[in-house]
PDB file of N, CA and C in Angstrom:
ATOM      1  N   MET A   1      59.098 -40.035  42.678  1.00  0.00           N
ATOM      2  CA  MET A   1      58.010 -39.185  42.253  1.00  0.00           C
ATOM      3  C   MET A   1      56.878 -40.011  41.674  1.00  0.00           C
ATOM      4  N   SER A   2      55.721 -39.624  42.057  1.00  0.00           N
ATOM      5  CA  SER A   2      54.561 -40.319  41.507  1.00  0.00           C
ATOM      6  C   SER A   2      53.982 -39.505  40.358  1.00  0.00           C
ATOM      7  N   GLU A   3      53.657 -40.158  39.324  1.00  0.00           N
ATOM      8  CA  GLU A   3      53.096 -39.462  38.158  1.00  0.00           C
ATOM      9  C   GLU A   3      51.593 -39.339  38.308  1.00  0.00           C
ATOM     10  N   GLN A   4      51.141 -38.113  38.032  1.00  0.00           N
ATOM     11  CA  GLN A   4      49.700 -37.891  38.062  1.00  0.00           C
ATOM     12  C   GLN A   4      49.208 -37.786  36.636  1.00  0.00           C
ATOM     13  N   THR A   5      48.227 -38.544  36.303  1.00  0.00           N
ATOM     14  CA  THR A   5      47.664 -38.503  34.959  1.00  0.00           C
ATOM     15  C   THR A   5      46.323 -37.794  35.015  1.00  0.00           C
ATOM     16  N   ALA A   6      46.069 -37.003  33.982  1.00  0.00           N
ATOM     17  CA  ALA A   6      44.788 -36.301  33.913  1.00  0.00           C
ATOM     18  C   ALA A   6      43.719 -37.291  33.488  1.00  0.00           C
ATOM     19  N   ALA A   7      42.622 -37.227  34.180  1.00  0.00           N
ATOM     20  CA  ALA A   7      41.526 -38.137  33.861  1.00  0.00           C
ATOM     21  C   ALA A   7      40.844 -37.657  32.585  1.00  0.00           C
ATOM     22  N   SER A   8      40.731 -38.529  31.614  1.00  0.00           N
ATOM     23  CA  SER A   8      40.050 -38.156  30.368  1.00  0.00           C
ATOM     24  C   SER A   8      38.539 -38.274  30.572  1.00  0.00           C
ATOM     25  N   PRO A   9      37.792 -37.378  29.927  1.00  0.00           N
ATOM     26  CA  PRO A   9      36.342 -37.431  30.119  1.00  0.00           C
ATOM     27  C   PRO A   9      35.765 -38.698  29.496  1.00  0.00           C
ATOM     28  N   GLY A  10      34.794 -39.223  30.161  1.00  0.00           N
ATOM     29  CA  GLY A  10      34.149 -40.440  29.675  1.00  0.00           C
ATOM     30  C   GLY A  10      33.218 -40.125  28.496  1.00  0.00           C
ATOM     31  N   PRO A  11      32.733 -41.140  27.848  1.00  0.00           N
ATOM     32  CA  PRO A  11      31.861 -40.932  26.687  1.00  0.00           C
ATOM     33  C   PRO A  11      30.536 -40.247  27.065  1.00  0.00           C
ATOM     34  N   LEU A  12      30.083 -40.425  28.285  1.00  0.00           N
ATOM     35  CA  LEU A  12      28.837 -39.771  28.698  1.00  0.00           C
ATOM     36  C   LEU A  12      29.019 -38.269  28.888  1.00  0.00           C
ATOM     37  N   ALA A  13      30.226 -37.833  29.165  1.00  0.00           N
ATOM     38  CA  ALA A  13      30.467 -36.398  29.335  1.00  0.00           C
ATOM     39  C   ALA A  13      30.408 -35.672  27.997  1.00  0.00           C
ATOM     40  N   MET A  14      30.661 -36.373  26.895  1.00  0.00           N
ATOM     41  CA  MET A  14      30.622 -35.755  25.580  1.00  0.00           C
ATOM     42  C   MET A  14      29.229 -35.815  24.945  1.00  0.00           C
ATOM     43  N   LEU A  15      28.336 -36.570  25.520  1.00  0.00           N
ATOM     44  CA  LEU A  15      26.989 -36.718  24.967  1.00  0.00           C
ATOM     45  C   LEU A  15      26.235 -35.397  24.861  1.00  0.00           C
ATOM     46  N   PRO A  16      26.248 -34.512  25.861  1.00  0.00           N
ATOM     47  CA  PRO A  16      25.538 -33.233  25.704  1.00  0.00           C
ATOM     48  C   PRO A  16      26.055 -32.402  24.528  1.00  0.00           C
ATOM     49  N   MET A  17      27.355 -32.478  24.252  1.00  0.00           N
ATOM     50  CA  MET A  17      27.903 -31.733  23.125  1.00  0.00           C
ATOM     51  C   MET A  17      27.338 -32.268  21.805  1.00  0.00           C
ATOM     52  N   PHE A  18      27.227 -33.569  21.672  1.00  0.00           N
ATOM     53  CA  PHE A  18      26.697 -34.155  20.448  1.00  0.00           C
ATOM     54  C   PHE A  18      25.204 -33.893  20.281  1.00  0.00           C
ATOM     55  N   VAL A  19      24.511 -33.618  21.359  1.00  0.00           N
ATOM     56  CA  VAL A  19      23.091 -33.264  21.283  1.00  0.00           C
ATOM     57  C   VAL A  19      22.934 -31.781  20.969  1.00  0.00           C
ATOM     58  N   MET A  20      23.769 -30.943  21.511  1.00  0.00           N
ATOM     59  CA  MET A  20      23.655 -29.496  21.339  1.00  0.00           C
ATOM     60  C   MET A  20      24.006 -29.027  19.926  1.00  0.00           C
ATOM     61  N   ILE A  21      24.984 -29.642  19.278  1.00  0.00           N
ATOM     62  CA  ILE A  21      25.406 -29.194  17.951  1.00  0.00           C
ATOM     63  C   ILE A  21      24.265 -29.298  16.931  1.00  0.00           C
ATOM     64  N   PRO A  22      23.562 -30.436  16.794  1.00  0.00           N
ATOM     65  CA  PRO A  22      22.438 -30.470  15.843  1.00  0.00           C
ATOM     66  C   PRO A  22      21.295 -29.529  16.232  1.00  0.00           C
ATOM     67  N   LEU A  23      21.065 -29.357  17.526  1.00  0.00           N
ATOM     68  CA  LEU A  23      20.022 -28.446  17.977  1.00  0.00           C
ATOM     69  C   LEU A  23      20.341 -27.001  17.575  1.00  0.00           C
ATOM     70  N   ILE A  24      21.559 -26.583  17.787  1.00  0.00           N
ATOM     71  CA  ILE A  24      21.976 -25.230  17.402  1.00  0.00           C
ATOM     72  C   ILE A  24      21.904 -25.064  15.889  1.00  0.00           C
ATOM     73  N   PHE A  25      22.342 -26.066  15.151  1.00  0.00           N
ATOM     74  CA  PHE A  25      22.292 -26.025  13.694  1.00  0.00           C
ATOM     75  C   PHE A  25      20.846 -25.889  13.212  1.00  0.00           C
ATOM     76  N   TYR A  26      19.923 -26.635  13.827  1.00  0.00           N
ATOM     77  CA  TYR A  26      18.509 -26.547  13.466  1.00  0.00           C
ATOM     78  C   TYR A  26      17.968 -25.144  13.732  1.00  0.00           C
ATOM     79  N   LEU A  27      18.267 -24.591  14.896  1.00  0.00           N
ATOM     80  CA  LEU A  27      17.732 -23.278  15.259  1.00  0.00           C
ATOM     81  C   LEU A  27      18.310 -22.152  14.400  1.00  0.00           C
ATOM     82  N   LEU A  28      19.544 -22.266  13.960  1.00  0.00           N
ATOM     83  CA  LEU A  28      20.181 -21.201  13.199  1.00  0.00           C
ATOM     84  C   LEU A  28      20.021 -21.334  11.685  1.00  0.00           C
ATOM     85  N   VAL A  29      19.782 -22.546  11.181  1.00  0.00           N
ATOM     86  CA  VAL A  29      19.740 -22.734   9.729  1.00  0.00           C
ATOM     87  C   VAL A  29      18.373 -23.220   9.246  1.00  0.00           C
ATOM     88  N   PHE A  30      17.952 -24.382   9.679  1.00  0.00           N
ATOM     89  CA  PHE A  30      16.751 -24.993   9.113  1.00  0.00           C
ATOM     90  C   PHE A  30      15.461 -24.258   9.448  1.00  0.00           C
ATOM     91  N   ARG A  31      15.285 -23.852  10.663  1.00  0.00           N
ATOM     92  CA  ARG A  31      14.037 -23.206  11.075  1.00  0.00           C
ATOM     93  C   ARG A  31      13.807 -21.868  10.361  1.00  0.00           C
ATOM     94  N   PRO A  32      14.791 -20.958  10.321  1.00  0.00           N
ATOM     95  CA  PRO A  32      14.562 -19.708   9.585  1.00  0.00           C
ATOM     96  C   PRO A  32      14.325 -19.934   8.091  1.00  0.00           C
ATOM     97  N   GLN A  33      15.015 -20.904   7.517  1.00  0.00           N
ATOM     98  CA  GLN A  33      14.850 -21.178   6.095  1.00  0.00           C
ATOM     99  C   GLN A  33      13.449 -21.718   5.804  1.00  0.00           C
ATOM    100  N   SER A  34      12.912 -22.563   6.643  1.00  0.00           N
ATOM    101  CA  SER A  34      11.568 -23.096   6.412  1.00  0.00           C
ATOM    102  C   SER A  34      10.513 -22.004   6.611  1.00  0.00           C
ATOM    103  N   LYS A  35      10.719 -21.096   7.558  1.00  0.00           N
ATOM    104  CA  LYS A  35       9.791 -19.982   7.735  1.00  0.00           C
ATOM    105  C   LYS A  35       9.776 -19.088   6.500  1.00  0.00           C
ATOM    106  N   GLU A  36      10.960 -18.813   5.959  1.00  0.00           N
ATOM    107  CA  GLU A  36      11.059 -17.974   4.769  1.00  0.00           C
ATOM    108  C   GLU A  36      10.406 -18.654   3.568  1.00  0.00           C
ATOM    109  N   ARG A  37      10.594 -19.959   3.424  1.00  0.00           N
ATOM    110  CA  ARG A  37       9.994 -20.695   2.316  1.00  0.00           C
ATOM    111  C   ARG A  37       8.472 -20.685   2.412  1.00  0.00           C
ATOM    112  N   LYS A  38       7.927 -20.855   3.620  1.00  0.00           N
ATOM    113  CA  LYS A  38       6.477 -20.828   3.801  1.00  0.00           C
ATOM    114  C   LYS A  38       5.909 -19.447   3.507  1.00  0.00           C
ATOM    115  N   ALA A  39       6.618 -18.398   3.905  1.00  0.00           N
ATOM    116  CA  ALA A  39       6.159 -17.037   3.622  1.00  0.00           C
ATOM    117  C   ALA A  39       6.171 -16.764   2.120  1.00  0.00           C
ATOM    118  N   HIS A  40       7.180 -17.258   1.405  1.00  0.00           N
ATOM    119  CA  HIS A  40       7.261 -17.077  -0.043  1.00  0.00           C
ATOM    120  C   HIS A  40       6.133 -17.833  -0.746  1.00  0.00           C
ATOM    121  N   GLU A  41       5.846 -19.061  -0.309  1.00  0.00           N
ATOM    122  CA  GLU A  41       4.752 -19.833  -0.887  1.00  0.00           C
ATOM    123  C   GLU A  41       3.414 -19.136  -0.653  1.00  0.00           C
ATOM    124  N   GLN A  42       3.222 -18.570   0.524  1.00  0.00           N
ATOM    125  CA  GLN A  42       1.989 -17.845   0.831  1.00  0.00           C
ATOM    126  C   GLN A  42       1.873 -16.615  -0.057  1.00  0.00           C
ATOM    127  N   MET A  43       2.985 -15.905  -0.282  1.00  0.00           N
ATOM    128  CA  MET A  43       2.979 -14.729  -1.149  1.00  0.00           C
ATOM    129  C   MET A  43       2.584 -15.126  -2.570  1.00  0.00           C
ATOM    130  N   LEU A  44       3.103 -16.253  -3.065  1.00  0.00           N
ATOM    131  CA  LEU A  44       2.783 -16.700  -4.417  1.00  0.00           C
ATOM    132  C   LEU A  44       1.306 -17.046  -4.564  1.00  0.00           C
ATOM    133  N   LYS A  45       0.699 -17.571  -3.515  1.00  0.00           N
ATOM    134  CA  LYS A  45      -0.722 -17.928  -3.575  1.00  0.00           C
ATOM    135  C   LYS A  45      -1.624 -16.699  -3.587  1.00  0.00           C
ATOM    136  N   ASN A  46      -1.159 -15.588  -3.044  1.00  0.00           N
ATOM    137  CA  ASN A  46      -2.001 -14.406  -2.881  1.00  0.00           C
ATOM    138  C   ASN A  46      -1.844 -13.364  -3.985  1.00  0.00           C
ATOM    139  N   PHE A  47      -1.139 -13.689  -5.070  1.00  0.00           N
ATOM    140  CA  PHE A  47      -0.996 -12.724  -6.151  1.00  0.00           C
ATOM    141  C   PHE A  47      -2.322 -12.478  -6.842  1.00  0.00           C
ATOM    142  N   LYS A  48      -2.512 -11.244  -7.294  1.00  0.00           N
ATOM    143  CA  LYS A  48      -3.699 -10.853  -8.054  1.00  0.00           C
ATOM    144  C   LYS A  48      -3.237 -10.061  -9.257  1.00  0.00           C
ATOM    145  N   LYS A  49      -4.135  -9.902 -10.221  1.00  0.00           N
ATOM    146  CA  LYS A  49      -3.815  -9.075 -11.379  1.00  0.00           C
ATOM    147  C   LYS A  49      -3.525  -7.658 -10.914  1.00  0.00           C
ATOM    148  N   ASN A  50      -2.626  -6.988 -11.615  1.00  0.00           N
ATOM    149  CA  ASN A  50      -2.198  -5.611 -11.370  1.00  0.00           C
ATOM    150  C   ASN A  50      -1.294  -5.449 -10.153  1.00  0.00           C
ATOM    151  N   ASP A  51      -0.860  -6.538  -9.522  1.00  0.00           N
ATOM    152  CA  ASP A  51       0.150  -6.435  -8.467  1.00  0.00           C
ATOM    153  C   ASP A  51       1.501  -6.169  -9.127  1.00  0.00           C
ATOM    154  N   GLU A  52       2.301  -5.312  -8.520  1.00  0.00           N
ATOM    155  CA  GLU A  52       3.636  -5.029  -9.037  1.00  0.00           C
ATOM    156  C   GLU A  52       4.637  -5.885  -8.279  1.00  0.00           C
ATOM    157  N   VAL A  53       5.508  -6.580  -9.032  1.00  0.00           N
ATOM    158  CA  VAL A  53       6.432  -7.539  -8.450  1.00  0.00           C
ATOM    159  C   VAL A  53       7.836  -7.355  -9.009  1.00  0.00           C
ATOM    160  N   VAL A  54       8.810  -8.025  -8.361  1.00  0.00           N
ATOM    161  CA  VAL A  54      10.194  -8.058  -8.825  1.00  0.00           C
ATOM    162  C   VAL A  54      10.582  -9.517  -8.994  1.00  0.00           C
ATOM    163  N   THR A  55      11.246  -9.831 -10.118  1.00  0.00           N
ATOM    164  CA  THR A  55      11.693 -11.194 -10.356  1.00  0.00           C
ATOM    165  C   THR A  55      13.117 -11.380  -9.841  1.00  0.00           C
ATOM    166  N   SER A  56      13.554 -12.618  -9.812  1.00  0.00           N
ATOM    167  CA  SER A  56      14.918 -12.906  -9.364  1.00  0.00           C
ATOM    168  C   SER A  56      15.952 -12.345 -10.326  1.00  0.00           C
ATOM    169  N   GLY A  57      15.562 -12.072 -11.562  1.00  0.00           N
ATOM    170  CA  GLY A  57      16.468 -11.469 -12.528  1.00  0.00           C
ATOM    171  C   GLY A  57      16.504  -9.960 -12.458  1.00  0.00           C
ATOM    172  N   GLY A  58      15.678  -9.372 -11.584  1.00  0.00           N
ATOM    173  CA  GLY A  58      15.677  -7.933 -11.409  1.00  0.00           C
ATOM    174  C   GLY A  58      14.651  -7.192 -12.248  1.00  0.00           C
ATOM    175  N   LEU A  59      13.768  -7.904 -12.926  1.00  0.00           N
ATOM    176  CA  LEU A  59      12.727  -7.251 -13.717  1.00  0.00           C
ATOM    177  C   LEU A  59      11.587  -6.783 -12.825  1.00  0.00           C
ATOM    178  N   PHE A  60      11.190  -5.527 -12.992  1.00  0.00           N
ATOM    179  CA  PHE A  60      10.006  -5.017 -12.333  1.00  0.00           C
ATOM    180  C   PHE A  60       8.864  -5.155 -13.319  1.00  0.00           C
ATOM    181  N   GLY A  61       7.719  -5.658 -12.862  1.00  0.00           N
ATOM    182  CA  GLY A  61       6.601  -5.820 -13.776  1.00  0.00           C
ATOM    183  C   GLY A  61       5.285  -5.852 -13.042  1.00  0.00           C
ATOM    184  N   THR A  62       4.224  -5.777 -13.834  1.00  0.00           N
ATOM    185  CA  THR A  62       2.859  -5.825 -13.323  1.00  0.00           C
ATOM    186  C   THR A  62       2.221  -7.123 -13.788  1.00  0.00           C
ATOM    187  N   ILE A  63       1.580  -7.835 -12.881  1.00  0.00           N
ATOM    188  CA  ILE A  63       0.963  -9.112 -13.223  1.00  0.00           C
ATOM    189  C   ILE A  63      -0.244  -8.862 -14.112  1.00  0.00           C
ATOM    190  N   VAL A  64      -0.261  -9.556 -15.253  1.00  0.00           N
ATOM    191  CA  VAL A  64      -1.359  -9.429 -16.202  1.00  0.00           C
ATOM    192  C   VAL A  64      -2.230 -10.673 -16.190  1.00  0.00           C
ATOM    193  N   ASN A  65      -1.601 -11.850 -16.107  1.00  0.00           N
ATOM    194  CA  ASN A  65      -2.332 -13.108 -16.148  1.00  0.00           C
ATOM    195  C   ASN A  65      -1.652 -14.095 -15.209  1.00  0.00           C
ATOM    196  N   ILE A  66      -2.459 -14.903 -14.528  1.00  0.00           N
ATOM    197  CA  ILE A  66      -1.929 -15.890 -13.590  1.00  0.00           C
ATOM    198  C   ILE A  66      -2.427 -17.268 -13.998  1.00  0.00           C
ATOM    199  N   LYS A  67      -1.493 -18.165 -14.278  1.00  0.00           N
ATOM    200  CA  LYS A  67      -1.800 -19.570 -14.537  1.00  0.00           C
ATOM    201  C   LYS A  67      -0.996 -20.389 -13.528  1.00  0.00           C
ATOM    202  N   SER A  68      -1.308 -21.653 -13.412  1.00  0.00           N
ATOM    203  CA  SER A  68      -0.610 -22.474 -12.413  1.00  0.00           C
ATOM    204  C   SER A  68       0.863 -22.654 -12.748  1.00  0.00           C
ATOM    205  N   GLU A  69       1.206 -22.731 -14.036  1.00  0.00           N
ATOM    206  CA  GLU A  69       2.599 -22.978 -14.403  1.00  0.00           C
ATOM    207  C   GLU A  69       3.351 -21.730 -14.832  1.00  0.00           C
ATOM    208  N   ALA A  70       2.658 -20.602 -15.042  1.00  0.00           N
ATOM    209  CA  ALA A  70       3.339 -19.381 -15.491  1.00  0.00           C
ATOM    210  C   ALA A  70       2.540 -18.149 -15.089  1.00  0.00           C
ATOM    211  N   ILE A  71       3.254 -17.058 -14.900  1.00  0.00           N
ATOM    212  CA  ILE A  71       2.648 -15.759 -14.631  1.00  0.00           C
ATOM    213  C   ILE A  71       3.100 -14.816 -15.738  1.00  0.00           C
ATOM    214  N   THR A  72       2.159 -14.077 -16.311  1.00  0.00           N
ATOM    215  CA  THR A  72       2.490 -13.130 -17.363  1.00  0.00           C
ATOM    216  C   THR A  72       2.677 -11.757 -16.738  1.00  0.00           C
ATOM    217  N   LEU A  73       3.840 -11.159 -16.997  1.00  0.00           N
ATOM    218  CA  LEU A  73       4.159  -9.825 -16.486  1.00  0.00           C
ATOM    219  C   LEU A  73       4.202  -8.829 -17.628  1.00  0.00           C
ATOM    220  N   ARG A  74       3.704  -7.626 -17.378  1.00  0.00           N
ATOM    221  CA  ARG A  74       3.888  -6.512 -18.310  1.00  0.00           C
ATOM    222  C   ARG A  74       5.060  -5.710 -17.763  1.00  0.00           C
ATOM    223  N   ILE A  75       6.148  -5.674 -18.528  1.00  0.00           N
ATOM    224  CA  ILE A  75       7.343  -4.972 -18.051  1.00  0.00           C
ATOM    225  C   ILE A  75       7.511  -3.629 -18.741  1.00  0.00           C
ATOM    226  N   ALA A  76       6.794  -3.411 -19.831  1.00  0.00           N
ATOM    227  CA  ALA A  76       6.782  -2.126 -20.535  1.00  0.00           C
ATOM    228  C   ALA A  76       5.515  -2.106 -21.395  1.00  0.00           C
ATOM    229  N   GLU A  77       5.252  -0.994 -22.022  1.00  0.00           N
ATOM    230  CA  GLU A  77       4.082  -0.893 -22.889  1.00  0.00           C
ATOM    231  C   GLU A  77       4.217  -1.896 -24.027  1.00  0.00           C
ATOM    232  N   ASN A  78       3.234  -2.756 -24.192  1.00  0.00           N
ATOM    233  CA  ASN A  78       3.199  -3.800 -25.232  1.00  0.00           C
ATOM    234  C   ASN A  78       4.338  -4.814 -25.118  1.00  0.00           C
ATOM    235  N   VAL A  79       4.922  -4.984 -23.928  1.00  0.00           N
ATOM    236  CA  VAL A  79       5.949  -5.999 -23.700  1.00  0.00           C
ATOM    237  C   VAL A  79       5.486  -6.875 -22.535  1.00  0.00           C
ATOM    238  N   ARG A  80       5.245  -8.139 -22.848  1.00  0.00           N
ATOM    239  CA  ARG A  80       4.793  -9.087 -21.829  1.00  0.00           C
ATOM    240  C   ARG A  80       5.716 -10.296 -21.843  1.00  0.00           C
ATOM    241  N   VAL A  81       6.010 -10.803 -20.673  1.00  0.00           N
ATOM    242  CA  VAL A  81       6.855 -11.990 -20.547  1.00  0.00           C
ATOM    243  C   VAL A  81       6.170 -12.991 -19.627  1.00  0.00           C
ATOM    244  N   ASP A  82       6.350 -14.274 -19.937  1.00  0.00           N
ATOM    245  CA  ASP A  82       5.865 -15.354 -19.075  1.00  0.00           C
ATOM    246  C   ASP A  82       7.024 -15.834 -18.226  1.00  0.00           C
ATOM    247  N   ILE A  83       6.797 -15.953 -16.922  1.00  0.00           N
ATOM    248  CA  ILE A  83       7.832 -16.428 -16.008  1.00  0.00           C
ATOM    249  C   ILE A  83       7.237 -17.484 -15.088  1.00  0.00           C
ATOM    250  N   GLU A  84       8.103 -18.261 -14.482  1.00  0.00           N
ATOM    251  CA  GLU A  84       7.657 -19.222 -13.475  1.00  0.00           C
ATOM    252  C   GLU A  84       7.298 -18.463 -12.203  1.00  0.00           C
ATOM    253  N   PRO A  85       6.278 -18.894 -11.502  1.00  0.00           N
ATOM    254  CA  PRO A  85       5.918 -18.203 -10.256  1.00  0.00           C
ATOM    255  C   PRO A  85       7.054 -18.163  -9.236  1.00  0.00           C
ATOM    256  N   SER A  86       7.890 -19.181  -9.196  1.00  0.00           N
ATOM    257  CA  SER A  86       8.986 -19.209  -8.219  1.00  0.00           C
ATOM    258  C   SER A  86      10.055 -18.164  -8.516  1.00  0.00           C
ATOM    259  N   ALA A  87      10.048 -17.571  -9.719  1.00  0.00           N
ATOM    260  CA  ALA A  87      11.040 -16.549 -10.064  1.00  0.00           C
ATOM    261  C   ALA A  87      10.707 -15.197  -9.452  1.00  0.00           C
ATOM    262  N   ILE A  88       9.504 -15.039  -8.922  1.00  0.00           N
ATOM    263  CA  ILE A  88       9.134 -13.775  -8.280  1.00  0.00           C
ATOM    264  C   ILE A  88       9.653 -13.804  -6.855  1.00  0.00           C
ATOM    265  N   ILE A  89      10.455 -12.777  -6.509  1.00  0.00           N
ATOM    266  CA  ILE A  89      11.059 -12.787  -5.179  1.00  0.00           C
ATOM    267  C   ILE A  89      10.347 -11.876  -4.190  1.00  0.00           C
ATOM    268  N   ARG A  90       9.682 -10.825  -4.694  1.00  0.00           N
ATOM    269  CA  ARG A  90       8.959  -9.985  -3.736  1.00  0.00           C
ATOM    270  C   ARG A  90       7.860  -9.196  -4.418  1.00  0.00           C
ATOM    271  N   LEU A  91       6.926  -8.787  -3.616  1.00  0.00           N
ATOM    272  CA  LEU A  91       5.805  -7.969  -4.044  1.00  0.00           C
ATOM    273  C   LEU A  91       6.158  -6.513  -3.775  1.00  0.00           C
ATOM    274  N   VAL A  92       6.125  -5.678  -4.813  1.00  0.00           N
ATOM    275  CA  VAL A  92       6.463  -4.268  -4.648  1.00  0.00           C
ATOM    276  C   VAL A  92       5.246  -3.502  -4.156  1.00  0.00           C
ATOM    277  N   LYS A  93       4.140  -3.652  -4.871  1.00  0.00           N
ATOM    278  CA  LYS A  93       2.933  -2.929  -4.495  1.00  0.00           C
ATOM    279  C   LYS A  93       1.727  -3.769  -4.870  1.00  0.00           C
ATOM    280  N   ALA A  94       0.888  -4.025  -3.889  1.00  0.00           N
ATOM    281  CA  ALA A  94      -0.324  -4.785  -4.147  1.00  0.00           C
ATOM    282  C   ALA A  94      -1.403  -3.855  -4.684  1.00  0.00           C
ATOM    283  N   LYS A  95      -2.284  -4.418  -5.489  1.00  0.00           N
ATOM    284  CA  LYS A  95      -3.413  -3.665  -6.019  1.00  0.00           C
ATOM    285  C   LYS A  95      -4.358  -3.355  -4.863  1.00  0.00           C
ATOM    286  N   THR A  96      -4.768  -2.096  -4.757  1.00  0.00           N
ATOM    287  CA  THR A  96      -5.689  -1.710  -3.695  1.00  0.00           C
ATOM    288  C   THR A  96      -6.954  -1.136  -4.296  1.00  0.00           C
ATOM    289  N   ALA A  97      -8.034  -1.160  -3.546  1.00  0.00           N
ATOM    290  CA  ALA A  97      -9.311  -0.640  -4.023  1.00  0.00           C
ATOM    291  C   ALA A  97      -9.261   0.873  -4.195  1.00  0.00           C
ATOM    292  N   SER A  98      -8.496   1.568  -3.350  1.00  0.00           N
ATOM    293  CA  SER A  98      -8.424   3.019  -3.445  1.00  0.00           C
ATOM    294  C   SER A  98      -7.653   3.463  -4.680  1.00  0.00           C
ATOM    295  N   SER A  99      -6.681   2.664  -5.133  1.00  0.00           N
ATOM    296  CA  SER A  99      -5.917   3.048  -6.313  1.00  0.00           C
ATOM    297  C   SER A  99      -6.751   2.895  -7.582  1.00  0.00           C
ATOM    298  N   GLU A 100      -7.735   1.997  -7.584  1.00  0.00           N
ATOM    299  CA  GLU A 100      -8.599   1.839  -8.755  1.00  0.00           C
ATOM    300  C   GLU A 100      -9.480   3.058  -8.926  1.00  0.00           C
ATOM    301  N   GLY A 101     -10.022   3.555  -7.838  1.00  0.00           N
ATOM    302  CA  GLY A 101     -10.906   4.722  -7.911  1.00  0.00           C
ATOM    303  C   GLY A 101     -10.155   5.995  -8.189  1.00  0.00           C
ATOM    304  N   ALA A 102      -8.879   6.062  -7.848  1.00  0.00           N
ATOM    305  CA  ALA A 102      -8.093   7.284  -8.009  1.00  0.00           C
ATOM    306  C   ALA A 102      -7.587   7.471  -9.432  1.00  0.00           C
ATOM    307  N   THR A 103      -7.749   6.462 -10.299  1.00  0.00           N
ATOM    308  CA  THR A 103      -7.222   6.572 -11.652  1.00  0.00           C
ATOM    309  C   THR A 103      -8.139   7.364 -12.565  1.00  0.00           C
ATOM    310  N   GLY A 104      -9.330   7.643 -12.122  1.00  0.00           N
ATOM    311  CA  GLY A 104     -10.257   8.432 -12.924  1.00  0.00           C
ATOM    312  C   GLY A 104     -10.861   7.647 -14.074  1.00  0.00           C
ATOM    313  N   GLU A 105     -11.090   6.359 -13.881  1.00  0.00           N
ATOM    314  CA  GLU A 105     -11.628   5.521 -14.932  1.00  0.00           C
ATOM    315  C   GLU A 105     -13.140   5.662 -15.081  1.00  0.00           C
ATOM    316  N   LYS A 106     -13.775   6.330 -14.156  1.00  0.00           N
ATOM    317  CA  LYS A 106     -15.229   6.503 -14.238  1.00  0.00           C
ATOM    318  C   LYS A 106     -15.567   7.483 -15.355  1.00  0.00           C
ATOM    319  N   ARG A 107     -16.524   7.105 -16.164  1.00  0.00           N
ATOM    320  CA  ARG A 107     -16.953   7.970 -17.255  1.00  0.00           C
ATOM    321  C   ARG A 107     -18.335   8.501 -16.950  1.00  0.00           C
ATOM    322  N   SER A 108     -18.522   9.754 -17.226  1.00  0.00           N
ATOM    323  CA  SER A 108     -19.851  10.323 -17.017  1.00  0.00           C
ATOM    324  C   SER A 108     -20.592  10.308 -18.353  1.00  0.00           C
ATOM    325  N   SER A 109     -21.877   9.991 -18.304  1.00  0.00           N
ATOM    326  CA  SER A 109     -22.670   9.873 -19.539  1.00  0.00           C
ATOM    327  C   SER A 109     -23.268  11.183 -19.943  1.00  0.00           C
TER     328      SER A 109
END
């Protein structure tokens, strides 16, 4: 009887697998994470006074003051807290021009 041995794949046959694994990892992990980080940075740059936001700790508040190193939030009447801008995770409601006029702040003389 003659023995038949299975031919083992050469090193070049495994090369596509070693190329595909990092590519798949990049497409599934790094790319979505960088898109999310860029969107968050853009959101932080576009904050204005009176925008309503949520912090990573779950506090809902209204932006009162914006500085480069801290944002002041009003979380209740006469309660203000300073937080790092990176602690804000999402914008709840942006200040709009129509909401300013609807508050009835105009006084008649």
